[in-house]
ModelCIF file with pLDDT and N, C-alpha, C, O atoms, coordinates in Angstrom:
data_MODEL
#
_entry.id   MODEL 
#
_entity.id                         1 
_entity.type                       polymer 
_entity.pdbx_number_of_molecules   1 
#
_entity_poly.entity_id                      1 
_entity_poly.type                           'polypeptide(L)' 
_entity_poly.nstd_linkage                   no 
_entity_poly.nstd_monomer                   no 
_entity_poly.pdbx_seq_one_letter_code       RDLEYLRRSQEAAGYCVETLGWRVVECCRGGNMRSVEEIHEDI 
_entity_poly.pdbx_seq_one_letter_code_can   RDLEYLRRSQEAAGYCVETLGWRVVECCRGGNMRSVEEIHEDI 
_entity_poly.pdbx_strand_id                 A 
#
loop_
_entity_poly_seq.entity_id 
_entity_poly_seq.num 
_entity_poly_seq.mon_id 
_entity_poly_seq.hetero 
1 1  ARG n 
1 2  ASP n 
1 3  LEU n 
1 4  GLU n 
1 5  TYR n 
1 6  LEU n 
1 7  ARG n 
1 8  ARG n 
1 9  SER n 
1 10 GLN n 
1 11 GLU n 
1 12 ALA n 
1 13 ALA n 
1 14 GLY n 
1 15 TYR n 
1 16 CYS n 
1 17 VAL n 
1 18 GLU n 
1 19 THR n 
1 20 LEU n 
1 21 GLY n 
1 22 TRP n 
1 23 ARG n 
1 24 VAL n 
1 25 VAL n 
1 26 GLU n 
1 27 CYS n 
1 28 CYS n 
1 29 ARG n 
1 30 GLY n 
1 31 GLY n 
1 32 ASN n 
1 33 MET n 
1 34 ARG n 
1 35 SER n 
1 36 VAL n 
1 37 GLU n 
1 38 GLU n 
1 39 ILE n 
1 40 HIS n 
1 41 GLU n 
1 42 ASP n 
1 43 ILE n 
#
_struct_asym.id          A 
_struct_asym.entity_id   1 
#
loop_
_ma_qa_metric.id 
_ma_qa_metric.mode 
_ma_qa_metric.name 
_ma_qa_metric.software_group_id 
_ma_qa_metric.type 
1 global pLDDT . pLDDT 
2 local  pLDDT . pLDDT 
#
_ma_qa_metric_global.metric_id      1 
_ma_qa_metric_global.metric_value   90.23 
_ma_qa_metric_global.model_id       1 
_ma_qa_metric_global.ordinal_id     1 
#
loop_
_ma_qa_metric_local.label_asym_id 
_ma_qa_metric_local.label_comp_id 
_ma_qa_metric_local.label_seq_id 
_ma_qa_metric_local.metric_id 
_ma_qa_metric_local.metric_value 
_ma_qa_metric_local.model_id 
_ma_qa_metric_local.ordinal_id 
A ARG 1  2 58.00 1 1  
A ASP 2  2 62.00 1 2  
A LEU 3  2 72.00 1 3  
A GLU 4  2 78.00 1 4  
A TYR 5  2 77.00 1 5  
A LEU 6  2 78.00 1 6  
A ARG 7  2 82.00 1 7  
A ARG 8  2 86.00 1 8  
A SER 9  2 87.00 1 9  
A GLN 10 2 88.00 1 10 
A GLU 11 2 91.00 1 11 
A ALA 12 2 94.00 1 12 
A ALA 13 2 94.00 1 13 
A GLY 14 2 94.00 1 14 
A TYR 15 2 96.00 1 15 
A CYS 16 2 96.00 1 16 
A VAL 17 2 96.00 1 17 
A GLU 18 2 95.00 1 18 
A THR 19 2 96.00 1 19 
A LEU 20 2 96.00 1 20 
A GLY 21 2 93.00 1 21 
A TRP 22 2 97.00 1 22 
A ARG 23 2 96.00 1 23 
A VAL 24 2 96.00 1 24 
A VAL 25 2 97.00 1 25 
A GLU 26 2 94.00 1 26 
A CYS 27 2 93.00 1 27 
A CYS 28 2 91.00 1 28 
A ARG 29 2 90.00 1 29 
A GLY 30 2 89.00 1 30 
A GLY 31 2 85.00 1 31 
A ASN 32 2 88.00 1 32 
A MET 33 2 90.00 1 33 
A ARG 34 2 94.00 1 34 
A SER 35 2 95.00 1 35 
A VAL 36 2 96.00 1 36 
A GLU 37 2 97.00 1 37 
A GLU 38 2 97.00 1 38 
A ILE 39 2 97.00 1 39 
A HIS 40 2 98.00 1 40 
A GLU 41 2 97.00 1 41 
A ASP 42 2 97.00 1 42 
A ILE 43 2 97.00 1 43 
#
loop_
_atom_site.group_PDB 
_atom_site.id 
_atom_site.type_symbol 
_atom_site.label_atom_id 
_atom_site.label_alt_id 
_atom_site.label_comp_id 
_atom_site.label_asym_id 
_atom_site.label_entity_id 
_atom_site.label_seq_id 
_atom_site.pdbx_PDB_ins_code 
_atom_site.Cartn_x 
_atom_site.Cartn_y 
_atom_site.Cartn_z 
_atom_site.occupancy 
_atom_site.B_iso_or_equiv 
_atom_site.pdbx_formal_charge 
_atom_site.auth_seq_id 
_atom_site.auth_comp_id 
_atom_site.auth_asym_id 
_atom_site.auth_atom_id 
_atom_site.pdbx_PDB_model_num 
ATOM 1   N N  . ARG A 1 1  ? -44.659 0.159   28.555 1.00 58.00 ? 1  ARG A N  1 
ATOM 2   C CA . ARG A 1 1  ? -44.983 0.197   27.150 1.00 58.00 ? 1  ARG A CA 1 
ATOM 3   C C  . ARG A 1 1  ? -43.887 1.106   26.365 1.00 58.00 ? 1  ARG A C  1 
ATOM 4   O O  . ARG A 1 1  ? -43.855 1.188   25.137 1.00 58.00 ? 1  ARG A O  1 
ATOM 5   N N  . ASP A 1 2  ? -42.960 1.804   27.276 1.00 62.00 ? 2  ASP A N  1 
ATOM 6   C CA . ASP A 1 2  ? -42.150 2.562   26.543 1.00 62.00 ? 2  ASP A CA 1 
ATOM 7   C C  . ASP A 1 2  ? -40.761 1.776   26.422 1.00 62.00 ? 2  ASP A C  1 
ATOM 8   O O  . ASP A 1 2  ? -40.068 1.707   27.436 1.00 62.00 ? 2  ASP A O  1 
ATOM 9   N N  . LEU A 1 3  ? -40.329 1.197   25.268 1.00 72.00 ? 3  LEU A N  1 
ATOM 10  C CA . LEU A 1 3  ? -39.107 0.500   25.356 1.00 72.00 ? 3  LEU A CA 1 
ATOM 11  C C  . LEU A 1 3  ? -37.909 1.108   25.326 1.00 72.00 ? 3  LEU A C  1 
ATOM 12  O O  . LEU A 1 3  ? -36.878 0.525   25.660 1.00 72.00 ? 3  LEU A O  1 
ATOM 13  N N  . GLU A 1 4  ? -37.946 2.342   24.919 1.00 78.00 ? 4  GLU A N  1 
ATOM 14  C CA . GLU A 1 4  ? -36.665 3.164   25.111 1.00 78.00 ? 4  GLU A CA 1 
ATOM 15  C C  . GLU A 1 4  ? -36.533 3.625   26.566 1.00 78.00 ? 4  GLU A C  1 
ATOM 16  O O  . GLU A 1 4  ? -35.408 3.904   26.982 1.00 78.00 ? 4  GLU A O  1 
ATOM 17  N N  . TYR A 1 5  ? -37.449 3.710   27.256 1.00 77.00 ? 5  TYR A N  1 
ATOM 18  C CA . TYR A 1 5  ? -37.488 4.039   28.692 1.00 77.00 ? 5  TYR A CA 1 
ATOM 19  C C  . TYR A 1 5  ? -36.964 2.872   29.420 1.00 77.00 ? 5  TYR A C  1 
ATOM 20  O O  . TYR A 1 5  ? -36.141 3.019   30.323 1.00 77.00 ? 5  TYR A O  1 
ATOM 21  N N  . LEU A 1 6  ? -37.420 1.684   29.054 1.00 78.00 ? 6  LEU A N  1 
ATOM 22  C CA . LEU A 1 6  ? -36.964 0.475   29.745 1.00 78.00 ? 6  LEU A CA 1 
ATOM 23  C C  . LEU A 1 6  ? -35.389 0.152   29.439 1.00 78.00 ? 6  LEU A C  1 
ATOM 24  O O  . LEU A 1 6  ? -34.683 -0.406  30.279 1.00 78.00 ? 6  LEU A O  1 
ATOM 25  N N  . ARG A 1 7  ? -34.954 0.518   28.278 1.00 82.00 ? 7  ARG A N  1 
ATOM 26  C CA . ARG A 1 7  ? -33.644 0.272   27.881 1.00 82.00 ? 7  ARG A CA 1 
ATOM 27  C C  . ARG A 1 7  ? -32.653 1.115   28.839 1.00 82.00 ? 7  ARG A C  1 
ATOM 28  O O  . ARG A 1 7  ? -31.643 0.624   29.342 1.00 82.00 ? 7  ARG A O  1 
ATOM 29  N N  . ARG A 1 8  ? -33.071 2.437   29.024 1.00 86.00 ? 8  ARG A N  1 
ATOM 30  C CA . ARG A 1 8  ? -32.274 3.355   29.829 1.00 86.00 ? 8  ARG A CA 1 
ATOM 31  C C  . ARG A 1 8  ? -32.407 2.852   31.257 1.00 86.00 ? 8  ARG A C  1 
ATOM 32  O O  . ARG A 1 8  ? -31.428 2.882   32.003 1.00 86.00 ? 8  ARG A O  1 
ATOM 33  N N  . SER A 1 9  ? -33.659 2.361   31.689 1.00 87.00 ? 9  SER A N  1 
ATOM 34  C CA . SER A 1 9  ? -33.816 1.833   33.067 1.00 87.00 ? 9  SER A CA 1 
ATOM 35  C C  . SER A 1 9  ? -32.805 0.676   33.271 1.00 87.00 ? 9  SER A C  1 
ATOM 36  O O  . SER A 1 9  ? -32.267 0.539   34.370 1.00 87.00 ? 9  SER A O  1 
ATOM 37  N N  . GLN A 1 10 ? -32.554 -0.099  32.315 1.00 88.00 ? 10 GLN A N  1 
ATOM 38  C CA . GLN A 1 10 ? -31.706 -1.200  32.431 1.00 88.00 ? 10 GLN A CA 1 
ATOM 39  C C  . GLN A 1 10 ? -30.258 -0.707  32.676 1.00 88.00 ? 10 GLN A C  1 
ATOM 40  O O  . GLN A 1 10 ? -29.491 -1.179  33.515 1.00 88.00 ? 10 GLN A O  1 
ATOM 41  N N  . GLU A 1 11 ? -29.992 0.322   31.813 1.00 91.00 ? 11 GLU A N  1 
ATOM 42  C CA . GLU A 1 11 ? -28.627 0.851   31.964 1.00 91.00 ? 11 GLU A CA 1 
ATOM 43  C C  . GLU A 1 11 ? -28.355 1.495   33.308 1.00 91.00 ? 11 GLU A C  1 
ATOM 44  O O  . GLU A 1 11 ? -27.278 1.361   33.888 1.00 91.00 ? 11 GLU A O  1 
ATOM 45  N N  . ALA A 1 12 ? -29.405 2.221   33.796 1.00 94.00 ? 12 ALA A N  1 
ATOM 46  C CA . ALA A 1 12 ? -29.369 2.765   35.229 1.00 94.00 ? 12 ALA A CA 1 
ATOM 47  C C  . ALA A 1 12 ? -29.206 1.809   36.193 1.00 94.00 ? 12 ALA A C  1 
ATOM 48  O O  . ALA A 1 12 ? -28.366 1.969   37.078 1.00 94.00 ? 12 ALA A O  1 
ATOM 49  N N  . ALA A 1 13 ? -29.970 0.736   36.134 1.00 94.00 ? 13 ALA A N  1 
ATOM 50  C CA . ALA A 1 13 ? -29.865 -0.370  37.076 1.00 94.00 ? 13 ALA A CA 1 
ATOM 51  C C  . ALA A 1 13 ? -28.485 -0.914  37.195 1.00 94.00 ? 13 ALA A C  1 
ATOM 52  O O  . ALA A 1 13 ? -27.950 -1.112  38.285 1.00 94.00 ? 13 ALA A O  1 
ATOM 53  N N  . GLY A 1 14 ? -27.912 -1.154  36.026 1.00 94.00 ? 14 GLY A N  1 
ATOM 54  C CA . GLY A 1 14 ? -26.500 -1.590  36.074 1.00 94.00 ? 14 GLY A CA 1 
ATOM 55  C C  . GLY A 1 14 ? -25.451 -0.707  36.821 1.00 94.00 ? 14 GLY A C  1 
ATOM 56  O O  . GLY A 1 14 ? -24.469 -1.138  37.425 1.00 94.00 ? 14 GLY A O  1 
ATOM 57  N N  . TYR A 1 15 ? -25.847 0.700   36.670 1.00 96.00 ? 15 TYR A N  1 
ATOM 58  C CA . TYR A 1 15 ? -24.946 1.770   37.335 1.00 96.00 ? 15 TYR A CA 1 
ATOM 59  C C  . TYR A 1 15 ? -25.178 1.488   38.725 1.00 96.00 ? 15 TYR A C  1 
ATOM 60  O O  . TYR A 1 15 ? -24.199 1.268   39.438 1.00 96.00 ? 15 TYR A O  1 
ATOM 61  N N  . CYS A 1 16 ? -26.363 1.463   39.220 1.00 96.00 ? 16 CYS A N  1 
ATOM 62  C CA . CYS A 1 16 ? -26.863 1.395   40.755 1.00 96.00 ? 16 CYS A CA 1 
ATOM 63  C C  . CYS A 1 16 ? -26.203 0.126   41.289 1.00 96.00 ? 16 CYS A C  1 
ATOM 64  O O  . CYS A 1 16 ? -25.707 0.173   42.415 1.00 96.00 ? 16 CYS A O  1 
ATOM 65  N N  . VAL A 1 17 ? -26.148 -1.104  40.517 1.00 96.00 ? 17 VAL A N  1 
ATOM 66  C CA . VAL A 1 17 ? -25.656 -2.232  41.204 1.00 96.00 ? 17 VAL A CA 1 
ATOM 67  C C  . VAL A 1 17 ? -24.284 -2.112  41.446 1.00 96.00 ? 17 VAL A C  1 
ATOM 68  O O  . VAL A 1 17 ? -23.792 -2.524  42.496 1.00 96.00 ? 17 VAL A O  1 
ATOM 69  N N  . GLU A 1 18 ? -23.573 -1.541  40.494 1.00 95.00 ? 18 GLU A N  1 
ATOM 70  C CA . GLU A 1 18 ? -22.030 -1.327  40.438 1.00 95.00 ? 18 GLU A CA 1 
ATOM 71  C C  . GLU A 1 18 ? -21.618 -0.345  41.667 1.00 95.00 ? 18 GLU A C  1 
ATOM 72  O O  . GLU A 1 18 ? -20.666 -0.558  42.418 1.00 95.00 ? 18 GLU A O  1 
ATOM 73  N N  . THR A 1 19 ? -22.450 0.703   41.738 1.00 96.00 ? 19 THR A N  1 
ATOM 74  C CA . THR A 1 19 ? -22.012 1.832   42.689 1.00 96.00 ? 19 THR A CA 1 
ATOM 75  C C  . THR A 1 19 ? -22.568 1.888   44.121 1.00 96.00 ? 19 THR A C  1 
ATOM 76  O O  . THR A 1 19 ? -22.039 2.503   45.048 1.00 96.00 ? 19 THR A O  1 
ATOM 77  N N  . LEU A 1 20 ? -23.761 1.131   44.189 1.00 96.00 ? 20 LEU A N  1 
ATOM 78  C CA . LEU A 1 20 ? -24.422 1.082   45.471 1.00 96.00 ? 20 LEU A CA 1 
ATOM 79  C C  . LEU A 1 20 ? -24.386 -0.162  46.287 1.00 96.00 ? 20 LEU A C  1 
ATOM 80  O O  . LEU A 1 20 ? -25.083 -0.286  47.294 1.00 96.00 ? 20 LEU A O  1 
ATOM 81  N N  . GLY A 1 21 ? -23.620 -1.034  45.879 1.00 93.00 ? 21 GLY A N  1 
ATOM 82  C CA . GLY A 1 21 ? -23.337 -2.262  46.507 1.00 93.00 ? 21 GLY A CA 1 
ATOM 83  C C  . GLY A 1 21 ? -24.515 -3.396  46.610 1.00 93.00 ? 21 GLY A C  1 
ATOM 84  O O  . GLY A 1 21 ? -24.560 -4.246  47.500 1.00 93.00 ? 21 GLY A O  1 
ATOM 85  N N  . TRP A 1 22 ? -25.417 -3.267  45.595 1.00 97.00 ? 22 TRP A N  1 
ATOM 86  C CA . TRP A 1 22 ? -26.562 -4.266  45.756 1.00 97.00 ? 22 TRP A CA 1 
ATOM 87  C C  . TRP A 1 22 ? -25.939 -5.647  45.280 1.00 97.00 ? 22 TRP A C  1 
ATOM 88  O O  . TRP A 1 22 ? -24.960 -5.671  44.535 1.00 97.00 ? 22 TRP A O  1 
ATOM 89  N N  . ARG A 1 23 ? -26.496 -6.680  45.703 1.00 96.00 ? 23 ARG A N  1 
ATOM 90  C CA . ARG A 1 23 ? -26.117 -7.995  45.341 1.00 96.00 ? 23 ARG A CA 1 
ATOM 91  C C  . ARG A 1 23 ? -27.009 -8.467  44.306 1.00 96.00 ? 23 ARG A C  1 
ATOM 92  O O  . ARG A 1 23 ? -28.227 -8.309  44.374 1.00 96.00 ? 23 ARG A O  1 
ATOM 93  N N  . VAL A 1 24 ? -26.332 -9.130  43.206 1.00 96.00 ? 24 VAL A N  1 
ATOM 94  C CA . VAL A 1 24 ? -26.985 -9.458  41.997 1.00 96.00 ? 24 VAL A CA 1 
ATOM 95  C C  . VAL A 1 24 ? -27.333 -10.936 42.203 1.00 96.00 ? 24 VAL A C  1 
ATOM 96  O O  . VAL A 1 24 ? -26.627 -11.729 42.826 1.00 96.00 ? 24 VAL A O  1 
ATOM 97  N N  . VAL A 1 25 ? -28.517 -11.223 41.602 1.00 97.00 ? 25 VAL A N  1 
ATOM 98  C CA . VAL A 1 25 ? -28.961 -12.688 41.518 1.00 97.00 ? 25 VAL A CA 1 
ATOM 99  C C  . VAL A 1 25 ? -29.290 -12.977 40.076 1.00 97.00 ? 25 VAL A C  1 
ATOM 100 O O  . VAL A 1 25 ? -30.312 -12.503 39.579 1.00 97.00 ? 25 VAL A O  1 
ATOM 101 N N  . GLU A 1 26 ? -28.564 -13.644 39.470 1.00 94.00 ? 26 GLU A N  1 
ATOM 102 C CA . GLU A 1 26 ? -28.893 -13.974 37.927 1.00 94.00 ? 26 GLU A CA 1 
ATOM 103 C C  . GLU A 1 26 ? -30.012 -14.683 37.732 1.00 94.00 ? 26 GLU A C  1 
ATOM 104 O O  . GLU A 1 26 ? -30.033 -15.788 38.275 1.00 94.00 ? 26 GLU A O  1 
ATOM 105 N N  . CYS A 1 27 ? -30.988 -14.343 37.083 1.00 93.00 ? 27 CYS A N  1 
ATOM 106 C CA . CYS A 1 27 ? -32.275 -15.083 36.886 1.00 93.00 ? 27 CYS A CA 1 
ATOM 107 C C  . CYS A 1 27 ? -32.555 -15.848 35.628 1.00 93.00 ? 27 CYS A C  1 
ATOM 108 O O  . CYS A 1 27 ? -33.578 -16.511 35.453 1.00 93.00 ? 27 CYS A O  1 
ATOM 109 N N  . CYS A 1 28 ? -31.367 -15.683 34.574 1.00 91.00 ? 28 CYS A N  1 
ATOM 110 C CA . CYS A 1 28 ? -31.614 -16.367 33.259 1.00 91.00 ? 28 CYS A CA 1 
ATOM 111 C C  . CYS A 1 28 ? -30.469 -17.293 33.140 1.00 91.00 ? 28 CYS A C  1 
ATOM 112 O O  . CYS A 1 28 ? -29.461 -17.269 33.845 1.00 91.00 ? 28 CYS A O  1 
ATOM 113 N N  . ARG A 1 29 ? -30.751 -18.187 32.088 1.00 90.00 ? 29 ARG A N  1 
ATOM 114 C CA . ARG A 1 29 ? -29.650 -19.052 31.757 1.00 90.00 ? 29 ARG A CA 1 
ATOM 115 C C  . ARG A 1 29 ? -30.059 -19.508 30.380 1.00 90.00 ? 29 ARG A C  1 
ATOM 116 O O  . ARG A 1 29 ? -31.167 -20.017 30.210 1.00 90.00 ? 29 ARG A O  1 
ATOM 117 N N  . GLY A 1 30 ? -29.112 -19.326 29.281 1.00 89.00 ? 30 GLY A N  1 
ATOM 118 C CA . GLY A 1 30 ? -29.568 -19.855 27.991 1.00 89.00 ? 30 GLY A CA 1 
ATOM 119 C C  . GLY A 1 30 ? -30.694 -19.132 27.446 1.00 89.00 ? 30 GLY A C  1 
ATOM 120 O O  . GLY A 1 30 ? -31.495 -19.716 26.716 1.00 89.00 ? 30 GLY A O  1 
ATOM 121 N N  . GLY A 1 31 ? -30.830 -17.840 27.755 1.00 85.00 ? 31 GLY A N  1 
ATOM 122 C CA . GLY A 1 31 ? -32.093 -17.152 27.208 1.00 85.00 ? 31 GLY A CA 1 
ATOM 123 C C  . GLY A 1 31 ? -33.384 -17.375 27.811 1.00 85.00 ? 31 GLY A C  1 
ATOM 124 O O  . GLY A 1 31 ? -34.414 -16.951 27.286 1.00 85.00 ? 31 GLY A O  1 
ATOM 125 N N  . ASN A 1 32 ? -33.371 -18.115 29.045 1.00 88.00 ? 32 ASN A N  1 
ATOM 126 C CA . ASN A 1 32 ? -34.722 -18.560 29.545 1.00 88.00 ? 32 ASN A CA 1 
ATOM 127 C C  . ASN A 1 32 ? -34.396 -18.330 30.854 1.00 88.00 ? 32 ASN A C  1 
ATOM 128 O O  . ASN A 1 32 ? -33.238 -18.338 31.273 1.00 88.00 ? 32 ASN A O  1 
ATOM 129 N N  . MET A 1 33 ? -35.748 -18.044 31.772 1.00 90.00 ? 33 MET A N  1 
ATOM 130 C CA . MET A 1 33 ? -35.725 -17.993 33.106 1.00 90.00 ? 33 MET A CA 1 
ATOM 131 C C  . MET A 1 33 ? -35.145 -19.176 33.988 1.00 90.00 ? 33 MET A C  1 
ATOM 132 O O  . MET A 1 33 ? -35.449 -20.321 33.652 1.00 90.00 ? 33 MET A O  1 
ATOM 133 N N  . ARG A 1 34 ? -34.452 -19.010 34.930 1.00 94.00 ? 34 ARG A N  1 
ATOM 134 C CA . ARG A 1 34 ? -34.054 -20.197 35.731 1.00 94.00 ? 34 ARG A CA 1 
ATOM 135 C C  . ARG A 1 34 ? -35.364 -20.782 36.468 1.00 94.00 ? 34 ARG A C  1 
ATOM 136 O O  . ARG A 1 34 ? -36.360 -20.080 36.294 1.00 94.00 ? 34 ARG A O  1 
ATOM 137 N N  . SER A 1 35 ? -35.522 -21.747 37.129 1.00 95.00 ? 35 SER A N  1 
ATOM 138 C CA . SER A 1 35 ? -36.611 -21.942 38.025 1.00 95.00 ? 35 SER A CA 1 
ATOM 139 C C  . SER A 1 35 ? -36.690 -21.170 39.154 1.00 95.00 ? 35 SER A C  1 
ATOM 140 O O  . SER A 1 35 ? -35.715 -20.652 39.699 1.00 95.00 ? 35 SER A O  1 
ATOM 141 N N  . VAL A 1 36 ? -37.845 -21.079 39.524 1.00 96.00 ? 36 VAL A N  1 
ATOM 142 C CA . VAL A 1 36 ? -38.197 -20.409 40.829 1.00 96.00 ? 36 VAL A CA 1 
ATOM 143 C C  . VAL A 1 36 ? -37.448 -20.767 41.929 1.00 96.00 ? 36 VAL A C  1 
ATOM 144 O O  . VAL A 1 36 ? -36.925 -19.913 42.645 1.00 96.00 ? 36 VAL A O  1 
ATOM 145 N N  . GLU A 1 37 ? -37.330 -22.147 42.163 1.00 97.00 ? 37 GLU A N  1 
ATOM 146 C CA . GLU A 1 37 ? -36.490 -22.634 43.416 1.00 97.00 ? 37 GLU A CA 1 
ATOM 147 C C  . GLU A 1 37 ? -35.039 -22.398 43.158 1.00 97.00 ? 37 GLU A C  1 
ATOM 148 O O  . GLU A 1 37 ? -34.377 -22.066 44.141 1.00 97.00 ? 37 GLU A O  1 
ATOM 149 N N  . GLU A 1 38 ? -34.435 -22.509 42.026 1.00 97.00 ? 38 GLU A N  1 
ATOM 150 C CA . GLU A 1 38 ? -32.922 -22.060 41.723 1.00 97.00 ? 38 GLU A CA 1 
ATOM 151 C C  . GLU A 1 38 ? -32.740 -20.744 42.280 1.00 97.00 ? 38 GLU A C  1 
ATOM 152 O O  . GLU A 1 38 ? -31.864 -20.528 43.117 1.00 97.00 ? 38 GLU A O  1 
ATOM 153 N N  . ILE A 1 39 ? -33.634 -19.728 41.798 1.00 97.00 ? 39 ILE A N  1 
ATOM 154 C CA . ILE A 1 39 ? -33.351 -18.386 42.174 1.00 97.00 ? 39 ILE A CA 1 
ATOM 155 C C  . ILE A 1 39 ? -33.631 -18.243 43.638 1.00 97.00 ? 39 ILE A C  1 
ATOM 156 O O  . ILE A 1 39 ? -32.995 -17.427 44.305 1.00 97.00 ? 39 ILE A O  1 
ATOM 157 N N  . HIS A 1 40 ? -34.450 -18.914 44.104 1.00 98.00 ? 40 HIS A N  1 
ATOM 158 C CA . HIS A 1 40 ? -34.831 -18.750 45.596 1.00 98.00 ? 40 HIS A CA 1 
ATOM 159 C C  . HIS A 1 40 ? -33.529 -19.279 46.325 1.00 98.00 ? 40 HIS A C  1 
ATOM 160 O O  . HIS A 1 40 ? -33.069 -18.595 47.240 1.00 98.00 ? 40 HIS A O  1 
ATOM 161 N N  . GLU A 1 41 ? -32.960 -20.373 45.994 1.00 97.00 ? 41 GLU A N  1 
ATOM 162 C CA . GLU A 1 41 ? -31.712 -20.854 46.605 1.00 97.00 ? 41 GLU A CA 1 
ATOM 163 C C  . GLU A 1 41 ? -30.476 -19.756 46.512 1.00 97.00 ? 41 GLU A C  1 
ATOM 164 O O  . GLU A 1 41 ? -29.671 -19.654 47.438 1.00 97.00 ? 41 GLU A O  1 
ATOM 165 N N  . ASP A 1 42 ? -30.408 -19.095 45.539 1.00 97.00 ? 42 ASP A N  1 
ATOM 166 C CA . ASP A 1 42 ? -29.365 -17.953 45.502 1.00 97.00 ? 42 ASP A CA 1 
ATOM 167 C C  . ASP A 1 42 ? -29.805 -16.925 46.447 1.00 97.00 ? 42 ASP A C  1 
ATOM 168 O O  . ASP A 1 42 ? -28.945 -16.354 47.118 1.00 97.00 ? 42 ASP A O  1 
ATOM 169 N N  . ILE A 1 43 ? -30.879 -16.660 46.564 1.00 97.00 ? 43 ILE A N  1 
ATOM 170 C CA . ILE A 1 43 ? -31.419 -15.564 47.424 1.00 97.00 ? 43 ILE A CA 1 
ATOM 171 C C  . ILE A 1 43 ? -31.168 -15.818 48.763 1.00 97.00 ? 43 ILE A C  1 
ATOM 172 O O  . ILE A 1 43 ? -31.541 -15.021 49.623 1.00 97.00 ? 43 ILE A O  1 
#
């Protein structure tokens, strides 16, 4: 329920992805979620 906290978490997540070597799976396309199967195939 804390939107400012969620915004800061999004920023921190970007930093962690960049510095810790996490693999990114893009889940959105055109402002909507991709299908479960499409995301699963990337995973």
